[in-house]
Amino acid sequence: MKKRFWLYIFSMIPAIGSLTVINKIEPYVLGMPFVLFWLMLWVVLTSLFLYIVNILDPANEGEDDI
């Protein structure tokens, strides 16, 4: 139960950040406007988080059904 709580909290970070932090165009990160960088960052982080959850999920133990 406690692990799920933290997953919910982490899933809210992009939404809260988009309202408070990234509402700017001027700073550039890696040649991209900050808004575009923020979106690309969360695409990558979401994939990483899903991979970690897949590894930690006890229902995935056993043989793969591929």
Protein backbone atom coordinates (compact mmCIF):
# COMPACT_ATOMS: atom_id res chain seq x y z
CA MET A 1 0.00 0.00 0.00
CA LYS A 2 2.80 2.39 0.87
CA LYS A 3 4.56 1.80 -2.48
CA ARG A 4 1.39 2.72 -4.35
CA PHE A 5 1.08 5.94 -2.39
CA TRP A 6 4.52 7.07 -3.55
CA LEU A 7 3.74 6.12 -7.13
CA TYR A 8 0.68 8.35 -6.98
CA ILE A 9 2.74 11.20 -5.56
CA PHE A 10 5.40 10.81 -8.27
CA SER A 11 2.72 10.78 -10.96
CA MET A 12 1.48 14.19 -9.79
CA ILE A 13 4.86 15.91 -10.12
CA PRO A 14 4.56 16.71 -13.85
CA ALA A 15 1.09 18.19 -13.44
CA ILE A 16 2.06 20.35 -10.48
CA GLY A 17 5.31 21.38 -12.12
CA SER A 18 3.60 22.32 -15.35
CA LEU A 19 1.40 24.77 -13.51
CA THR A 20 4.06 26.35 -11.34
CA VAL A 21 7.55 25.82 -12.72
CA ILE A 22 7.53 25.50 -16.48
CA ASN A 23 5.21 28.34 -17.35
CA LYS A 24 8.16 30.09 -19.05
CA ILE A 25 9.55 30.20 -22.57
CA GLU A 26 12.82 32.05 -22.13
CA PRO A 27 15.18 29.54 -20.50
CA TYR A 28 16.61 27.06 -22.99
CA VAL A 29 17.83 23.61 -22.00
CA LEU A 30 19.81 21.57 -24.53
CA GLY A 31 18.73 23.99 -27.25
CA MET A 32 15.02 23.48 -26.56
CA PRO A 33 12.58 25.85 -24.91
CA PHE A 34 12.02 24.77 -21.32
CA VAL A 35 8.43 23.66 -21.96
CA LEU A 36 9.55 21.24 -24.69
CA PHE A 37 12.42 19.99 -22.53
CA TRP A 38 9.99 19.39 -19.64
CA LEU A 39 7.66 17.34 -21.84
CA MET A 40 10.49 15.26 -23.32
CA LEU A 41 11.97 14.70 -19.87
CA TRP A 42 8.70 13.29 -18.56
CA VAL A 43 8.26 11.02 -21.58
CA VAL A 44 11.61 9.45 -20.75
CA LEU A 45 11.02 9.39 -16.98
CA THR A 46 7.57 7.83 -17.37
CA SER A 47 9.08 5.02 -19.41
CA LEU A 48 11.75 4.53 -16.77
CA PHE A 49 9.21 4.50 -13.94
CA LEU A 50 7.04 1.96 -15.77
CA TYR A 51 10.07 -0.28 -16.29
CA ILE A 52 10.93 -0.10 -12.58
CA VAL A 53 7.35 -0.86 -11.56
CA ASN A 54 7.32 -3.80 -13.94
CA ILE A 55 10.45 -5.20 -12.31
CA LEU A 56 9.14 -4.67 -8.77
CA ASP A 57 5.66 -6.05 -9.43
CA PRO A 58 5.34 -9.45 -7.73
CA ALA A 59 2.74 -10.57 -10.29
CA ASN A 60 5.46 -10.64 -12.96
CA GLU A 61 7.44 -13.43 -11.32
CA GLY A 62 7.59 -16.67 -13.22
CA GLU A 63 7.95 -17.44 -16.90
CA ASP A 64 7.31 -14.92 -19.65
CA ASP A 65 4.34 -15.58 -21.91
CA ILE A 66 5.89 -14.37 -25.15
